[in-house]
Protein backbone atom coordinates (compact mmCIF):
# COMPACT_ATOMS: atom_id res chain seq x y z
CA UNK A 1 0.00 0.00 0.00
CA UNK A 2 2.82 2.40 0.80
CA UNK A 3 4.47 1.78 -2.56
CA UNK A 4 1.24 2.65 -4.33
CA UNK A 5 0.81 5.80 -2.25
CA UNK A 6 4.39 6.82 -3.01
CA UNK A 7 3.79 6.32 -6.73
CA UNK A 8 0.61 8.39 -6.59
CA UNK A 9 2.45 11.11 -4.67
CA UNK A 10 5.15 11.27 -7.35
CA UNK A 11 2.47 11.58 -10.03
CA UNK A 12 0.80 14.28 -7.96
CA UNK A 13 3.37 16.83 -9.05
CA UNK A 14 1.79 16.86 -12.48
CA UNK A 15 -1.78 16.30 -11.23
CA UNK A 16 -2.51 18.18 -7.99
CA UNK A 17 -5.88 16.45 -7.59
CA UNK A 18 -4.06 13.24 -6.58
CA UNK A 19 -2.89 14.77 -3.29
CA UNK A 20 -6.32 14.35 -1.72
CA UNK A 21 -6.34 10.68 -2.74
CA UNK A 22 -2.90 10.18 -1.21
CA UNK A 23 -3.98 11.82 2.05
CA UNK A 24 -7.09 9.62 2.19
CA UNK A 25 -4.99 6.55 1.43
CA UNK A 26 -2.59 7.37 4.25
CA UNK A 27 -5.53 7.84 6.61
CA UNK A 28 -7.05 4.51 5.60
CA UNK A 29 -3.73 2.70 5.98
CA UNK A 30 -3.14 4.10 9.50
CA UNK A 31 -6.71 3.68 10.77
CA UNK A 32 -6.50 -0.12 11.38
CA UNK A 33 -3.27 0.33 13.35
CA UNK A 34 -4.87 2.95 15.58
CA UNK A 35 -7.94 0.78 16.13
CA UNK A 36 -5.77 -2.23 16.98
CA UNK A 37 -3.73 -0.18 19.43
CA UNK A 38 -6.84 1.13 21.16
CA UNK A 39 -8.38 -2.33 21.41
CA UNK A 40 -5.23 -4.01 22.74
CA UNK A 41 -4.04 -1.15 24.94
CA UNK A 42 -5.52 -2.72 28.07
CA UNK A 43 -3.48 -5.91 27.65
CA UNK A 44 -0.34 -4.03 26.71
CA UNK A 45 -0.48 -1.93 29.88
CA UNK A 46 -1.16 -5.00 32.06
CA UNK A 47 1.92 -6.74 30.65
CA UNK A 48 4.08 -3.69 31.30
CA UNK A 49 2.88 -3.42 34.90
CA UNK A 50 3.22 -7.13 35.63
CA UNK A 51 6.72 -7.19 34.18
CA UNK A 52 7.81 -4.32 36.41
CA UNK A 53 6.62 -5.91 39.66
CA UNK A 54 8.83 -8.19 41.68
CA UNK A 55 7.73 -11.26 43.50
PDB file of N, CA and C in Angstrom:
ATOM      1  N   UNK A   1       0.821  -1.184   0.000  1.00  0.00           N
ATOM      2  CA  UNK A   1       0.000   0.000   0.000  1.00  0.00           C
ATOM      3  C   UNK A   1       0.869   1.254   0.000  1.00  0.00           C
ATOM      4  N   UNK A   2       1.961   1.216   0.747  1.00  0.00           N
ATOM      5  CA  UNK A   2       2.818   2.400   0.801  1.00  0.00           C
ATOM      6  C   UNK A   2       3.509   2.657  -0.533  1.00  0.00           C
ATOM      7  N   UNK A   3       3.842   1.596  -1.243  1.00  0.00           N
ATOM      8  CA  UNK A   3       4.471   1.781  -2.558  1.00  0.00           C
ATOM      9  C   UNK A   3       3.492   2.443  -3.530  1.00  0.00           C
ATOM     10  N   UNK A   4       2.249   2.035  -3.473  1.00  0.00           N
ATOM     11  CA  UNK A   4       1.236   2.654  -4.329  1.00  0.00           C
ATOM     12  C   UNK A   4       0.998   4.113  -3.976  1.00  0.00           C
ATOM     13  N   UNK A   5       0.983   4.416  -2.685  1.00  0.00           N
ATOM     14  CA  UNK A   5       0.810   5.804  -2.255  1.00  0.00           C
ATOM     15  C   UNK A   5       1.997   6.655  -2.677  1.00  0.00           C
ATOM     16  N   UNK A   6       3.187   6.093  -2.593  1.00  0.00           N
ATOM     17  CA  UNK A   6       4.385   6.824  -3.013  1.00  0.00           C
ATOM     18  C   UNK A   6       4.343   7.109  -4.511  1.00  0.00           C
ATOM     19  N   UNK A   7       3.905   6.130  -5.289  1.00  0.00           N
ATOM     20  CA  UNK A   7       3.787   6.319  -6.734  1.00  0.00           C
ATOM     21  C   UNK A   7       2.758   7.392  -7.057  1.00  0.00           C
ATOM     22  N   UNK A   8       1.637   7.364  -6.356  1.00  0.00           N
ATOM     23  CA  UNK A   8       0.611   8.391  -6.586  1.00  0.00           C
ATOM     24  C   UNK A   8       1.112   9.767  -6.172  1.00  0.00           C
ATOM     25  N   UNK A   9       1.915   9.836  -5.115  1.00  0.00           N
ATOM     26  CA  UNK A   9       2.451  11.112  -4.666  1.00  0.00           C
ATOM     27  C   UNK A   9       3.422  11.684  -5.688  1.00  0.00           C
ATOM     28  N   UNK A  10       4.228  10.810  -6.304  1.00  0.00           N
ATOM     29  CA  UNK A  10       5.146  11.274  -7.345  1.00  0.00           C
ATOM     30  C   UNK A  10       4.390  11.757  -8.577  1.00  0.00           C
ATOM     31  N   UNK A  11       3.277  11.137  -8.897  1.00  0.00           N
ATOM     32  CA  UNK A  11       2.468  11.576 -10.027  1.00  0.00           C
ATOM     33  C   UNK A  11       1.688  12.835  -9.689  1.00  0.00           C
ATOM     34  N   UNK A  12       1.546  13.122  -8.396  1.00  0.00           N
ATOM     35  CA  UNK A  12       0.796  14.283  -7.957  1.00  0.00           C
ATOM     36  C   UNK A  12       1.437  15.597  -8.318  1.00  0.00           C
ATOM     37  N   UNK A  13       2.726  15.582  -8.654  1.00  0.00           N
ATOM     38  CA  UNK A  13       3.374  16.827  -9.047  1.00  0.00           C
ATOM     39  C   UNK A  13       2.808  17.345 -10.360  1.00  0.00           C
ATOM     40  N   UNK A  14       2.390  16.420 -11.214  1.00  0.00           N
ATOM     41  CA  UNK A  14       1.789  16.856 -12.478  1.00  0.00           C
ATOM     42  C   UNK A  14       0.269  16.951 -12.386  1.00  0.00           C
ATOM     43  N   UNK A  15      -0.327  16.270 -11.411  1.00  0.00           N
ATOM     44  CA  UNK A  15      -1.780  16.295 -11.226  1.00  0.00           C
ATOM     45  C   UNK A  15      -2.090  16.577  -9.757  1.00  0.00           C
ATOM     46  N   UNK A  16      -2.297  17.832  -9.397  1.00  0.00           N
ATOM     47  CA  UNK A  16      -2.509  18.182  -7.988  1.00  0.00           C
ATOM     48  C   UNK A  16      -3.748  17.545  -7.361  1.00  0.00           C
ATOM     49  N   UNK A  17      -4.677  17.065  -8.145  1.00  0.00           N
ATOM     50  CA  UNK A  17      -5.884  16.450  -7.591  1.00  0.00           C
ATOM     51  C   UNK A  17      -5.576  15.117  -6.912  1.00  0.00           C
ATOM     52  N   UNK A  18      -4.417  14.521  -7.190  1.00  0.00           N
ATOM     53  CA  UNK A  18      -4.063  13.241  -6.582  1.00  0.00           C
ATOM     54  C   UNK A  18      -3.647  13.380  -5.125  1.00  0.00           C
ATOM     55  N   UNK A  19      -3.313  14.587  -4.685  1.00  0.00           N
ATOM     56  CA  UNK A  19      -2.892  14.767  -3.294  1.00  0.00           C
ATOM     57  C   UNK A  19      -4.001  14.376  -2.320  1.00  0.00           C
ATOM     58  N   UNK A  20      -5.227  14.707  -2.625  1.00  0.00           N
ATOM     59  CA  UNK A  20      -6.323  14.347  -1.722  1.00  0.00           C
ATOM     60  C   UNK A  20      -6.497  12.826  -1.656  1.00  0.00           C
ATOM     61  N   UNK A  21      -6.266  12.147  -2.753  1.00  0.00           N
ATOM     62  CA  UNK A  21      -6.336  10.679  -2.743  1.00  0.00           C
ATOM     63  C   UNK A  21      -5.202  10.079  -1.910  1.00  0.00           C
ATOM     64  N   UNK A  22      -4.030  10.681  -1.992  1.00  0.00           N
ATOM     65  CA  UNK A  22      -2.901  10.183  -1.209  1.00  0.00           C
ATOM     66  C   UNK A  22      -3.159  10.390   0.278  1.00  0.00           C
ATOM     67  N   UNK A  23      -3.685  11.548   0.645  1.00  0.00           N
ATOM     68  CA  UNK A  23      -3.979  11.819   2.046  1.00  0.00           C
ATOM     69  C   UNK A  23      -5.033  10.839   2.552  1.00  0.00           C
ATOM     70  N   UNK A  24      -6.061  10.574   1.781  1.00  0.00           N
ATOM     71  CA  UNK A  24      -7.091   9.620   2.191  1.00  0.00           C
ATOM     72  C   UNK A  24      -6.513   8.207   2.279  1.00  0.00           C
ATOM     73  N   UNK A  25      -5.626   7.858   1.384  1.00  0.00           N
ATOM     74  CA  UNK A  25      -4.986   6.546   1.434  1.00  0.00           C
ATOM     75  C   UNK A  25      -4.127   6.375   2.666  1.00  0.00           C
ATOM     76  N   UNK A  26      -3.408   7.430   3.038  1.00  0.00           N
ATOM     77  CA  UNK A  26      -2.594   7.374   4.252  1.00  0.00           C
ATOM     78  C   UNK A  26      -3.497   7.217   5.474  1.00  0.00           C
ATOM     79  N   UNK A  27      -4.585   7.952   5.500  1.00  0.00           N
ATOM     80  CA  UNK A  27      -5.528   7.843   6.614  1.00  0.00           C
ATOM     81  C   UNK A  27      -6.096   6.436   6.720  1.00  0.00           C
ATOM     82  N   UNK A  28      -6.476   5.866   5.590  1.00  0.00           N
ATOM     83  CA  UNK A  28      -7.048   4.515   5.599  1.00  0.00           C
ATOM     84  C   UNK A  28      -6.011   3.449   5.952  1.00  0.00           C
ATOM     85  N   UNK A  29      -4.746   3.696   5.642  1.00  0.00           N
ATOM     86  CA  UNK A  29      -3.730   2.704   5.984  1.00  0.00           C
ATOM     87  C   UNK A  29      -3.336   2.779   7.454  1.00  0.00           C
ATOM     88  N   UNK A  30      -3.513   3.939   8.093  1.00  0.00           N
ATOM     89  CA  UNK A  30      -3.144   4.095   9.497  1.00  0.00           C
ATOM     90  C   UNK A  30      -4.311   3.757  10.420  1.00  0.00           C
ATOM     91  N   UNK A  31      -5.517   3.895   9.944  1.00  0.00           N
ATOM     92  CA  UNK A  31      -6.706   3.676  10.766  1.00  0.00           C
ATOM     93  C   UNK A  31      -6.758   2.287  11.415  1.00  0.00           C
ATOM     94  N   UNK A  32      -6.481   1.197  10.709  1.00  0.00           N
ATOM     95  CA  UNK A  32      -6.502  -0.119  11.377  1.00  0.00           C
ATOM     96  C   UNK A  32      -5.456  -0.243  12.486  1.00  0.00           C
ATOM     97  N   UNK A  33      -4.296   0.376  12.312  1.00  0.00           N
ATOM     98  CA  UNK A  33      -3.274   0.330  13.351  1.00  0.00           C
ATOM     99  C   UNK A  33      -3.717   1.066  14.602  1.00  0.00           C
ATOM    100  N   UNK A  34      -4.370   2.198  14.435  1.00  0.00           N
ATOM    101  CA  UNK A  34      -4.868   2.954  15.581  1.00  0.00           C
ATOM    102  C   UNK A  34      -5.962   2.172  16.293  1.00  0.00           C
ATOM    103  N   UNK A  35      -6.857   1.568  15.530  1.00  0.00           N
ATOM    104  CA  UNK A  35      -7.936   0.779  16.134  1.00  0.00           C
ATOM    105  C   UNK A  35      -7.367  -0.424  16.889  1.00  0.00           C
ATOM    106  N   UNK A  36      -6.389  -1.083  16.316  1.00  0.00           N
ATOM    107  CA  UNK A  36      -5.765  -2.227  16.980  1.00  0.00           C
ATOM    108  C   UNK A  36      -5.065  -1.802  18.265  1.00  0.00           C
ATOM    109  N   UNK A  37      -4.386  -0.683  18.227  1.00  0.00           N
ATOM    110  CA  UNK A  37      -3.726  -0.182  19.429  1.00  0.00           C
ATOM    111  C   UNK A  37      -4.737   0.129  20.518  1.00  0.00           C
ATOM    112  N   UNK A  38      -5.835   0.777  20.161  1.00  0.00           N
ATOM    113  CA  UNK A  38      -6.836   1.125  21.160  1.00  0.00           C
ATOM    114  C   UNK A  38      -7.517  -0.105  21.745  1.00  0.00           C
ATOM    115  N   UNK A  39      -7.743  -1.112  20.926  1.00  0.00           N
ATOM    116  CA  UNK A  39      -8.381  -2.335  21.414  1.00  0.00           C
ATOM    117  C   UNK A  39      -7.457  -3.155  22.315  1.00  0.00           C
ATOM    118  N   UNK A  40      -6.165  -3.173  21.997  1.00  0.00           N
ATOM    119  CA  UNK A  40      -5.229  -4.012  22.740  1.00  0.00           C
ATOM    120  C   UNK A  40      -4.449  -3.236  23.801  1.00  0.00           C
ATOM    121  N   UNK A  41      -4.759  -1.981  23.998  1.00  0.00           N
ATOM    122  CA  UNK A  41      -4.039  -1.146  24.942  1.00  0.00           C
ATOM    123  C   UNK A  41      -4.150  -1.676  26.371  1.00  0.00           C
ATOM    124  N   UNK A  42      -5.287  -2.188  26.726  1.00  0.00           N
ATOM    125  CA  UNK A  42      -5.516  -2.718  28.071  1.00  0.00           C
ATOM    126  C   UNK A  42      -4.535  -3.852  28.376  1.00  0.00           C
ATOM    127  N   UNK A  43      -4.368  -4.771  27.443  1.00  0.00           N
ATOM    128  CA  UNK A  43      -3.485  -5.911  27.654  1.00  0.00           C
ATOM    129  C   UNK A  43      -2.022  -5.489  27.633  1.00  0.00           C
ATOM    130  N   UNK A  44      -1.703  -4.529  26.812  1.00  0.00           N
ATOM    131  CA  UNK A  44      -0.343  -4.032  26.705  1.00  0.00           C
ATOM    132  C   UNK A  44       0.081  -3.388  28.023  1.00  0.00           C
ATOM    133  N   UNK A  45      -0.793  -2.585  28.604  1.00  0.00           N
ATOM    134  CA  UNK A  45      -0.484  -1.932  29.882  1.00  0.00           C
ATOM    135  C   UNK A  45      -0.359  -2.955  31.010  1.00  0.00           C
ATOM    136  N   UNK A  46      -1.232  -3.959  31.021  1.00  0.00           N
ATOM    137  CA  UNK A  46      -1.156  -4.999  32.060  1.00  0.00           C
ATOM    138  C   UNK A  46       0.164  -5.753  31.995  1.00  0.00           C
ATOM    139  N   UNK A  47       0.639  -6.043  30.792  1.00  0.00           N
ATOM    140  CA  UNK A  47       1.918  -6.742  30.653  1.00  0.00           C
ATOM    141  C   UNK A  47       3.076  -5.871  31.117  1.00  0.00           C
ATOM    142  N   UNK A  48       3.020  -4.585  30.852  1.00  0.00           N
ATOM    143  CA  UNK A  48       4.079  -3.692  31.303  1.00  0.00           C
ATOM    144  C   UNK A  48       4.119  -3.610  32.827  1.00  0.00           C
ATOM    145  N   UNK A  49       2.946  -3.522  33.436  1.00  0.00           N
ATOM    146  CA  UNK A  49       2.878  -3.417  34.900  1.00  0.00           C
ATOM    147  C   UNK A  49       3.319  -4.726  35.540  1.00  0.00           C
ATOM    148  N   UNK A  50       2.861  -5.851  35.026  1.00  0.00           N
ATOM    149  CA  UNK A  50       3.216  -7.133  35.627  1.00  0.00           C
ATOM    150  C   UNK A  50       4.695  -7.451  35.425  1.00  0.00           C
ATOM    151  N   UNK A  51       5.294  -6.969  34.390  1.00  0.00           N
ATOM    152  CA  UNK A  51       6.715  -7.191  34.177  1.00  0.00           C
ATOM    153  C   UNK A  51       7.580  -6.331  35.074  1.00  0.00           C
ATOM    154  N   UNK A  52       7.054  -5.212  35.547  1.00  0.00           N
ATOM    155  CA  UNK A  52       7.808  -4.321  36.410  1.00  0.00           C
ATOM    156  C   UNK A  52       7.706  -4.642  37.880  1.00  0.00           C
ATOM    157  N   UNK A  53       6.806  -5.557  38.248  1.00  0.00           N
ATOM    158  CA  UNK A  53       6.616  -5.911  39.660  1.00  0.00           C
ATOM    159  C   UNK A  53       7.498  -7.104  40.012  1.00  0.00           C
ATOM    160  N   UNK A  54       7.996  -7.086  41.225  1.00  0.00           N
ATOM    161  CA  UNK A  54       8.827  -8.190  41.682  1.00  0.00           C
ATOM    162  C   UNK A  54       8.031  -9.084  42.630  1.00  0.00           C
ATOM    163  N   UNK A  55       8.270 -10.354  42.521  1.00  0.00           N
ATOM    164  CA  UNK A  55       7.728 -11.256  43.504  1.00  0.00           C
ATOM    165  C   UNK A  55       6.498 -11.930  43.135  1.00  0.00           C
TER     166      UNK A  55
END
